[in-house]
Amino acid sequence: MFILEEASKICTDEMANILAIVRFALSVVQWVVPIILIVLGSIDLVRAVVAGKDEEIKKHQTTLLKRVIAAVIVFLVPLLVTLIMGLLGTDDWKNCWEDAKGKTISNIIDSY
């Protein structure tokens, strides 16, 4: 198990590659999942409005609201993780996390 205080020992090129992949995955989840949730909720609501049933409209409004709240939570989780890691980690760990920011998936694949 890695300890944050030993970041200078674990911040190798391979670790930077792993962190870059994690950063990319967090970014994808942070943007794609909320968009999907909101689009699906909107589609359900439009179907209910077209059907014209008040009961269905209210039901789908509640569902849309729940999906929007879930989308906001999913959007904020990576931000909170980054913030907590920034507060708990040492400067070496923060530097390793920031170094991984500059790497792209294609650079990682090309290095292997």
N, C-alpha and C. Protein backbone atom coordinates (compact mmCIF):
# COMPACT_ATOMS: atom_id res chain seq x y z
N MET A 1 0.84 -1.17 0.00
CA MET A 1 0.00 0.00 0.00
C MET A 1 0.89 1.24 0.00
N PHE A 2 0.53 2.20 -0.85
CA PHE A 2 1.32 3.41 -0.94
C PHE A 2 0.92 4.38 0.16
N ILE A 3 1.91 4.99 0.74
CA ILE A 3 1.67 6.01 1.76
C ILE A 3 2.00 7.35 1.13
N LEU A 4 1.14 8.33 1.35
CA LEU A 4 1.31 9.62 0.70
C LEU A 4 2.65 10.27 1.04
N GLU A 5 3.17 10.03 2.21
CA GLU A 5 4.43 10.65 2.61
C GLU A 5 5.62 10.09 1.84
N GLU A 6 5.47 8.93 1.26
CA GLU A 6 6.56 8.31 0.51
C GLU A 6 6.40 8.55 -0.98
N ALA A 7 5.79 9.65 -1.35
CA ALA A 7 5.50 9.92 -2.75
C ALA A 7 6.75 10.07 -3.58
N SER A 8 7.81 10.60 -2.99
CA SER A 8 9.04 10.77 -3.77
C SER A 8 9.60 9.43 -4.20
N LYS A 9 9.35 8.37 -3.43
CA LYS A 9 9.83 7.04 -3.77
C LYS A 9 8.95 6.38 -4.82
N ILE A 10 7.66 6.71 -4.82
CA ILE A 10 6.74 6.03 -5.74
C ILE A 10 6.45 6.83 -6.99
N CYS A 11 6.87 8.07 -7.03
CA CYS A 11 6.56 8.91 -8.19
C CYS A 11 7.54 8.63 -9.32
N THR A 12 7.42 7.47 -9.87
CA THR A 12 8.23 7.08 -11.01
C THR A 12 7.46 7.41 -12.28
N ASP A 13 8.06 7.11 -13.40
CA ASP A 13 7.38 7.35 -14.67
C ASP A 13 6.14 6.48 -14.80
N GLU A 14 6.23 5.23 -14.31
CA GLU A 14 5.08 4.33 -14.37
C GLU A 14 3.94 4.85 -13.50
N MET A 15 4.28 5.36 -12.33
CA MET A 15 3.26 5.90 -11.44
C MET A 15 2.61 7.14 -12.06
N ALA A 16 3.41 7.95 -12.70
CA ALA A 16 2.87 9.13 -13.38
C ALA A 16 1.92 8.72 -14.50
N ASN A 17 2.24 7.62 -15.20
CA ASN A 17 1.35 7.10 -16.23
C ASN A 17 0.03 6.62 -15.63
N ILE A 18 0.10 5.93 -14.51
CA ILE A 18 -1.11 5.45 -13.84
C ILE A 18 -1.96 6.64 -13.39
N LEU A 19 -1.31 7.63 -12.80
CA LEU A 19 -2.04 8.81 -12.36
C LEU A 19 -2.66 9.57 -13.53
N ALA A 20 -1.97 9.59 -14.66
CA ALA A 20 -2.53 10.25 -15.85
C ALA A 20 -3.79 9.53 -16.32
N ILE A 21 -3.77 8.20 -16.29
CA ILE A 21 -4.94 7.42 -16.68
C ILE A 21 -6.08 7.67 -15.70
N VAL A 22 -5.77 7.73 -14.41
CA VAL A 22 -6.79 8.01 -13.40
C VAL A 22 -7.38 9.40 -13.61
N ARG A 23 -6.53 10.37 -13.88
CA ARG A 23 -7.02 11.73 -14.13
C ARG A 23 -7.93 11.77 -15.35
N PHE A 24 -7.55 11.03 -16.40
CA PHE A 24 -8.38 10.98 -17.61
C PHE A 24 -9.73 10.33 -17.32
N ALA A 25 -9.71 9.21 -16.59
CA ALA A 25 -10.95 8.52 -16.25
C ALA A 25 -11.86 9.41 -15.40
N LEU A 26 -11.29 10.10 -14.44
CA LEU A 26 -12.09 11.01 -13.61
C LEU A 26 -12.70 12.13 -14.46
N SER A 27 -11.93 12.61 -15.40
CA SER A 27 -12.44 13.67 -16.27
C SER A 27 -13.60 13.18 -17.13
N VAL A 28 -13.46 11.99 -17.68
CA VAL A 28 -14.54 11.42 -18.49
C VAL A 28 -15.79 11.23 -17.66
N VAL A 29 -15.63 10.63 -16.50
CA VAL A 29 -16.78 10.41 -15.61
C VAL A 29 -17.40 11.74 -15.20
N GLN A 30 -16.57 12.71 -14.92
CA GLN A 30 -17.05 14.01 -14.45
C GLN A 30 -17.91 14.71 -15.49
N TRP A 31 -17.64 14.51 -16.75
CA TRP A 31 -18.39 15.22 -17.79
C TRP A 31 -19.44 14.37 -18.48
N VAL A 32 -19.14 13.12 -18.76
CA VAL A 32 -20.06 12.30 -19.56
C VAL A 32 -21.27 11.83 -18.75
N VAL A 33 -21.05 11.35 -17.54
CA VAL A 33 -22.15 10.81 -16.74
C VAL A 33 -23.22 11.87 -16.45
N PRO A 34 -22.87 13.08 -16.00
CA PRO A 34 -23.93 14.07 -15.78
C PRO A 34 -24.71 14.42 -17.05
N ILE A 35 -24.01 14.50 -18.17
CA ILE A 35 -24.71 14.81 -19.42
C ILE A 35 -25.70 13.70 -19.75
N ILE A 36 -25.28 12.46 -19.62
CA ILE A 36 -26.18 11.33 -19.90
C ILE A 36 -27.38 11.35 -18.96
N LEU A 37 -27.15 11.59 -17.67
CA LEU A 37 -28.25 11.62 -16.71
C LEU A 37 -29.26 12.71 -17.04
N ILE A 38 -28.78 13.89 -17.37
CA ILE A 38 -29.69 14.99 -17.68
C ILE A 38 -30.44 14.75 -18.99
N VAL A 39 -29.75 14.22 -19.99
CA VAL A 39 -30.41 13.94 -21.27
C VAL A 39 -31.49 12.87 -21.11
N LEU A 40 -31.17 11.80 -20.40
CA LEU A 40 -32.17 10.75 -20.18
C LEU A 40 -33.37 11.26 -19.40
N GLY A 41 -33.13 12.08 -18.38
CA GLY A 41 -34.23 12.66 -17.62
C GLY A 41 -35.09 13.57 -18.47
N SER A 42 -34.45 14.35 -19.33
CA SER A 42 -35.19 15.25 -20.22
C SER A 42 -36.03 14.47 -21.22
N ILE A 43 -35.48 13.38 -21.75
CA ILE A 43 -36.24 12.55 -22.69
C ILE A 43 -37.47 11.96 -22.00
N ASP A 44 -37.30 11.47 -20.77
CA ASP A 44 -38.45 10.93 -20.03
C ASP A 44 -39.51 12.00 -19.81
N LEU A 45 -39.07 13.19 -19.46
CA LEU A 45 -40.02 14.28 -19.21
C LEU A 45 -40.75 14.69 -20.49
N VAL A 46 -40.04 14.74 -21.60
CA VAL A 46 -40.68 15.09 -22.88
C VAL A 46 -41.72 14.03 -23.26
N ARG A 47 -41.40 12.77 -23.05
CA ARG A 47 -42.37 11.71 -23.34
C ARG A 47 -43.62 11.86 -22.49
N ALA A 48 -43.44 12.22 -21.23
CA ALA A 48 -44.59 12.40 -20.34
C ALA A 48 -45.42 13.61 -20.75
N VAL A 49 -44.76 14.68 -21.17
CA VAL A 49 -45.49 15.87 -21.61
C VAL A 49 -46.27 15.58 -22.89
N VAL A 50 -45.66 14.85 -23.81
CA VAL A 50 -46.34 14.49 -25.04
C VAL A 50 -47.55 13.60 -24.75
N ALA A 51 -47.43 12.70 -23.79
CA ALA A 51 -48.55 11.84 -23.41
C ALA A 51 -49.67 12.65 -22.78
N GLY A 52 -49.32 13.75 -22.11
CA GLY A 52 -50.32 14.66 -21.58
C GLY A 52 -50.95 14.27 -20.26
N LYS A 53 -50.40 13.27 -19.59
CA LYS A 53 -50.97 12.85 -18.32
C LYS A 53 -50.26 13.60 -17.19
N ASP A 54 -51.06 14.32 -16.38
CA ASP A 54 -50.48 15.11 -15.30
C ASP A 54 -49.73 14.25 -14.29
N GLU A 55 -50.26 13.09 -14.01
CA GLU A 55 -49.63 12.18 -13.05
C GLU A 55 -48.25 11.74 -13.54
N GLU A 56 -48.17 11.41 -14.82
CA GLU A 56 -46.89 11.00 -15.41
C GLU A 56 -45.90 12.17 -15.45
N ILE A 57 -46.41 13.36 -15.74
CA ILE A 57 -45.53 14.53 -15.80
C ILE A 57 -44.90 14.78 -14.43
N LYS A 58 -45.70 14.75 -13.38
CA LYS A 58 -45.17 14.97 -12.03
C LYS A 58 -44.16 13.89 -11.65
N LYS A 59 -44.46 12.66 -12.02
CA LYS A 59 -43.55 11.55 -11.72
C LYS A 59 -42.21 11.76 -12.42
N HIS A 60 -42.26 12.15 -13.67
CA HIS A 60 -41.01 12.33 -14.43
C HIS A 60 -40.28 13.62 -14.04
N GLN A 61 -41.01 14.62 -13.55
CA GLN A 61 -40.34 15.81 -13.02
C GLN A 61 -39.51 15.44 -11.80
N THR A 62 -40.07 14.61 -10.94
CA THR A 62 -39.34 14.15 -9.76
C THR A 62 -38.13 13.33 -10.17
N THR A 63 -38.30 12.48 -11.15
CA THR A 63 -37.18 11.67 -11.65
C THR A 63 -36.09 12.57 -12.24
N LEU A 64 -36.49 13.57 -13.00
CA LEU A 64 -35.52 14.50 -13.59
C LEU A 64 -34.77 15.24 -12.50
N LEU A 65 -35.47 15.70 -11.47
CA LEU A 65 -34.81 16.40 -10.37
C LEU A 65 -33.80 15.50 -9.68
N LYS A 66 -34.16 14.24 -9.44
CA LYS A 66 -33.23 13.29 -8.82
C LYS A 66 -32.00 13.07 -9.71
N ARG A 67 -32.22 12.98 -11.01
CA ARG A 67 -31.09 12.78 -11.93
C ARG A 67 -30.19 14.00 -11.99
N VAL A 68 -30.77 15.19 -11.92
CA VAL A 68 -29.94 16.41 -11.92
C VAL A 68 -29.11 16.47 -10.64
N ILE A 69 -29.71 16.13 -9.51
CA ILE A 69 -28.95 16.10 -8.25
C ILE A 69 -27.83 15.08 -8.33
N ALA A 70 -28.12 13.90 -8.87
CA ALA A 70 -27.09 12.87 -9.03
C ALA A 70 -25.99 13.35 -9.97
N ALA A 71 -26.38 14.07 -11.03
CA ALA A 71 -25.39 14.60 -11.98
C ALA A 71 -24.46 15.61 -11.30
N VAL A 72 -25.02 16.45 -10.46
CA VAL A 72 -24.20 17.44 -9.73
C VAL A 72 -23.24 16.72 -8.79
N ILE A 73 -23.73 15.71 -8.10
CA ILE A 73 -22.87 14.95 -7.18
C ILE A 73 -21.74 14.27 -7.95
N VAL A 74 -22.08 13.62 -9.06
CA VAL A 74 -21.06 12.94 -9.87
C VAL A 74 -20.05 13.95 -10.40
N PHE A 75 -20.52 15.14 -10.77
CA PHE A 75 -19.62 16.17 -11.27
C PHE A 75 -18.66 16.66 -10.19
N LEU A 76 -19.13 16.73 -8.95
CA LEU A 76 -18.32 17.27 -7.87
C LEU A 76 -17.39 16.26 -7.19
N VAL A 77 -17.66 14.97 -7.33
CA VAL A 77 -16.83 13.95 -6.66
C VAL A 77 -15.36 14.04 -7.06
N PRO A 78 -15.01 14.10 -8.34
CA PRO A 78 -13.59 14.22 -8.68
C PRO A 78 -12.95 15.50 -8.12
N LEU A 79 -13.71 16.57 -8.11
CA LEU A 79 -13.20 17.81 -7.53
C LEU A 79 -12.92 17.64 -6.04
N LEU A 80 -13.82 16.99 -5.34
CA LEU A 80 -13.63 16.76 -3.91
C LEU A 80 -12.44 15.83 -3.65
N VAL A 81 -12.29 14.80 -4.48
CA VAL A 81 -11.16 13.88 -4.33
C VAL A 81 -9.84 14.64 -4.53
N THR A 82 -9.78 15.46 -5.56
CA THR A 82 -8.58 16.25 -5.81
C THR A 82 -8.30 17.21 -4.66
N LEU A 83 -9.34 17.83 -4.15
CA LEU A 83 -9.17 18.76 -3.03
C LEU A 83 -8.67 18.04 -1.79
N ILE A 84 -9.25 16.90 -1.46
CA ILE A 84 -8.83 16.14 -0.28
C ILE A 84 -7.40 15.64 -0.44
N MET A 85 -7.07 15.13 -1.62
CA MET A 85 -5.70 14.67 -1.86
C MET A 85 -4.72 15.84 -1.76
N GLY A 86 -5.13 17.01 -2.19
CA GLY A 86 -4.28 18.18 -2.08
C GLY A 86 -4.03 18.59 -0.63
N LEU A 87 -5.05 18.43 0.20
CA LEU A 87 -4.91 18.78 1.61
C LEU A 87 -4.12 17.74 2.38
N LEU A 88 -4.30 16.47 2.06
CA LEU A 88 -3.66 15.39 2.82
C LEU A 88 -2.26 15.04 2.32
N GLY A 89 -2.03 15.24 1.04
CA GLY A 89 -0.75 14.81 0.47
C GLY A 89 0.39 15.77 0.75
N THR A 90 1.58 15.25 0.59
CA THR A 90 2.78 16.07 0.74
C THR A 90 3.05 16.80 -0.57
N ASP A 91 4.04 17.67 -0.56
CA ASP A 91 4.37 18.41 -1.77
C ASP A 91 4.84 17.48 -2.88
N ASP A 92 5.55 16.41 -2.53
CA ASP A 92 6.01 15.45 -3.54
C ASP A 92 4.82 14.79 -4.23
N TRP A 93 3.83 14.42 -3.43
CA TRP A 93 2.64 13.77 -3.99
C TRP A 93 1.89 14.74 -4.88
N LYS A 94 1.76 15.99 -4.46
CA LYS A 94 1.08 17.00 -5.26
C LYS A 94 1.82 17.23 -6.57
N ASN A 95 3.14 17.26 -6.50
CA ASN A 95 3.94 17.45 -7.72
C ASN A 95 3.77 16.27 -8.68
N CYS A 96 3.71 15.06 -8.13
CA CYS A 96 3.51 13.87 -8.96
C CYS A 96 2.13 13.93 -9.63
N TRP A 97 1.10 14.34 -8.87
CA TRP A 97 -0.26 14.45 -9.41
C TRP A 97 -0.31 15.52 -10.50
N GLU A 98 0.39 16.63 -10.29
CA GLU A 98 0.41 17.70 -11.29
C GLU A 98 1.22 17.31 -12.52
N ASP A 99 2.30 16.55 -12.33
CA ASP A 99 3.09 16.07 -13.47
C ASP A 99 2.26 15.15 -14.35
N ALA A 100 1.39 14.39 -13.74
CA ALA A 100 0.53 13.49 -14.50
C ALA A 100 -0.48 14.25 -15.33
N LYS A 101 -0.75 15.49 -14.95
CA LYS A 101 -1.72 16.31 -15.67
C LYS A 101 -1.28 16.57 -17.11
N GLY A 102 0.01 16.72 -17.31
CA GLY A 102 0.52 17.04 -18.64
C GLY A 102 0.55 15.85 -19.60
N LYS A 103 0.44 14.66 -19.07
CA LYS A 103 0.52 13.47 -19.92
C LYS A 103 -0.84 13.20 -20.56
N THR A 104 -0.79 12.71 -21.78
CA THR A 104 -2.02 12.31 -22.46
C THR A 104 -1.99 10.79 -22.66
N ILE A 105 -3.14 10.25 -22.91
CA ILE A 105 -3.24 8.78 -23.10
C ILE A 105 -2.40 8.36 -24.30
N SER A 106 -2.39 9.14 -25.36
CA SER A 106 -1.59 8.76 -26.52
C SER A 106 -0.09 8.79 -26.22
N ASN A 107 0.35 9.71 -25.36
CA ASN A 107 1.76 9.73 -24.96
C ASN A 107 2.11 8.49 -24.14
N ILE A 108 1.18 8.08 -23.30
CA ILE A 108 1.42 6.88 -22.48
C ILE A 108 1.51 5.64 -23.36
N ILE A 109 0.61 5.52 -24.31
CA ILE A 109 0.61 4.37 -25.21
C ILE A 109 1.88 4.35 -26.05
N ASP A 110 2.30 5.52 -26.52
CA ASP A 110 3.51 5.61 -27.34
C ASP A 110 4.77 5.24 -26.55
N SER A 111 4.76 5.47 -25.22
CA SER A 111 5.95 5.18 -24.43
C SER A 111 6.12 3.67 -24.22
N TYR A 112 5.10 2.89 -24.48
CA TYR A 112 5.21 1.44 -24.32
C TYR A 112 5.37 0.85 -25.66
